[in-house]
Protein backbone atom coordinates (compact mmCIF):
# COMPACT_ATOMS: atom_id res chain seq x y z
CA MET A 1 17.41 38.11 -127.50
CA THR A 2 15.56 39.00 -130.67
CA ASP A 3 13.66 36.67 -132.97
CA GLY A 4 16.01 34.46 -134.87
CA ASP A 5 18.93 34.90 -132.48
CA SER A 6 18.54 31.66 -130.54
CA VAL A 7 20.46 28.53 -131.45
CA SER A 8 17.20 26.61 -131.56
CA TYR A 9 15.73 29.04 -134.11
CA ARG A 10 18.80 28.90 -136.29
CA ILE A 11 18.73 25.07 -136.26
CA CYS A 12 15.05 25.07 -137.19
CA GLU A 13 15.73 27.55 -139.97
CA ALA A 14 18.53 25.38 -141.36
CA ALA A 15 16.24 22.31 -141.21
CA ARG A 16 13.45 24.29 -142.89
CA ARG A 17 15.78 25.30 -145.75
CA GLU A 18 16.86 21.71 -146.30
CA MET A 19 13.26 20.42 -146.27
CA ALA A 20 12.23 23.14 -148.72
CA LYS A 21 14.82 21.82 -151.16
CA ARG A 22 13.14 18.41 -151.00
CA ILE A 23 9.48 19.51 -150.84
CA PRO A 24 8.83 22.19 -153.49
CA GLY A 25 6.14 24.63 -152.49
CA MET A 26 6.21 23.41 -148.92
CA GLU A 27 4.06 25.37 -146.46
CA HIS A 28 6.01 26.01 -143.28
CA HIS A 29 6.05 28.06 -140.14
CA ILE A 30 8.58 28.43 -137.37
CA ALA A 31 6.60 29.19 -134.22
CA GLU A 32 8.60 30.79 -131.42
CA LEU A 33 6.47 29.82 -128.46
CA ARG A 34 8.25 32.28 -126.15
CA ASN A 35 6.48 35.07 -128.04
CA LEU A 36 3.01 33.58 -127.61
CA ILE A 37 0.47 33.53 -124.79
CA LEU A 38 -0.61 29.92 -124.55
CA GLU A 39 -2.72 28.96 -121.59
CA PRO A 40 -3.94 25.49 -120.52
CA CYS A 41 -7.28 24.21 -121.71
CA THR A 42 -10.12 24.97 -119.30
CA GLY A 43 -12.32 22.15 -120.62
CA CYS A 44 -15.19 24.48 -121.50
CA GLY A 45 -15.97 22.51 -124.65
CA SER A 46 -16.72 25.58 -126.80
CA CYS A 47 -14.12 24.51 -129.37
CA ALA A 48 -16.19 21.45 -130.30
CA ALA A 49 -18.51 23.56 -132.45
CA THR A 50 -16.05 26.13 -133.80
CA ASN A 51 -12.50 24.59 -133.83
CA ARG A 52 -11.55 27.80 -132.04
CA CYS A 53 -10.51 28.35 -128.42
CA VAL A 54 -12.57 31.09 -126.79
CA THR A 55 -9.65 32.00 -124.52
CA GLY A 56 -6.73 31.73 -126.82
CA ASP A 57 -6.05 34.13 -129.71
CA ASP A 58 -2.40 33.03 -129.95
CA PHE A 59 -3.50 29.38 -129.83
CA ASN A 60 -6.03 29.97 -132.63
CA SER A 61 -3.46 31.65 -134.86
CA LEU A 62 -0.98 28.84 -134.30
CA TYR A 63 -3.62 26.12 -134.77
CA ASP A 64 -4.61 27.71 -138.06
CA GLU A 65 -0.96 27.54 -139.16
CA LEU A 66 -0.73 23.88 -138.06
CA ILE A 67 -3.75 22.94 -140.15
CA VAL A 68 -2.38 24.34 -143.42
CA SER A 69 1.35 23.70 -142.93
CA ASP A 70 3.26 20.76 -144.27
CA VAL A 71 5.90 21.37 -141.61
CA ILE A 72 5.81 23.30 -138.37
CA PHE A 73 8.68 23.85 -135.96
CA PHE A 74 8.04 24.64 -132.32
CA VAL A 75 10.88 26.66 -130.77
CA SER A 76 10.62 26.90 -127.02
CA PRO A 77 12.97 27.09 -124.02
CA HIS A 78 13.63 23.62 -122.67
CA TYR A 79 13.40 23.73 -118.88
CA ALA A 80 11.37 20.54 -118.52
CA PRO A 81 10.77 17.40 -120.58
CA ILE A 82 7.76 19.10 -122.23
CA PRO A 83 7.81 22.93 -122.01
CA ALA A 84 4.58 24.37 -120.54
CA LYS A 85 3.63 26.39 -123.64
CA LEU A 86 4.07 23.39 -125.91
CA ALA A 87 2.04 21.25 -123.54
CA ALA A 88 -0.73 23.88 -123.46
CA PHE A 89 -0.85 24.06 -127.25
CA LEU A 90 -0.94 20.27 -127.69
CA GLU A 91 -3.56 19.95 -124.95
CA LYS A 92 -5.91 22.35 -126.73
CA ALA A 93 -5.33 20.84 -130.15
CA GLU A 94 -6.07 17.39 -128.73
CA GLU A 95 -9.22 18.67 -127.04
CA ILE A 96 -10.58 19.98 -130.34
CA ALA A 97 -9.93 16.64 -132.02
CA PHE A 98 -11.32 14.62 -129.10
CA LEU A 99 -14.53 16.60 -128.76
CA LYS A 100 -15.22 16.38 -132.49
CA TRP A 101 -14.63 12.61 -132.37
CA TYR A 102 -16.74 12.26 -129.21
CA LYS A 103 -19.69 13.82 -131.00
CA ASP A 104 -19.05 11.85 -134.21
CA PRO A 105 -16.86 8.70 -134.04
CA ALA A 106 -16.39 8.83 -137.82
CA TYR A 107 -14.64 12.27 -137.52
CA ARG A 108 -11.04 12.41 -138.73
CA SER A 109 -8.90 15.42 -137.81
CA TYR A 110 -7.79 17.26 -140.95
CA THR A 111 -6.46 14.13 -142.63
CA ASN A 112 -7.47 15.12 -146.20
CA LEU A 113 -6.51 18.77 -146.52
């Protein structure tokens, strides 16, 4: 299967087109998680200072897209209630936000971009 062939991707693309009609200039990204290497967080804490995972180039690229996008679609095979790659991405994103907040309780995660 090539990019864009899956039913999930086509549904996301249709939803993206409809949202783009309603949100002019909308930043968007359809992330096909099957094409990414997303590993679980190791809890090293390095991301607290840099907002970057030292063991995750694909995570960092996707996280950068998340920060600037108005809309992001995650397309992943659904073999479990929460697919492993999606869980790994969300775990690392949460760790960055938590560690920043832990160091500074006034910290707010990208709420005013």
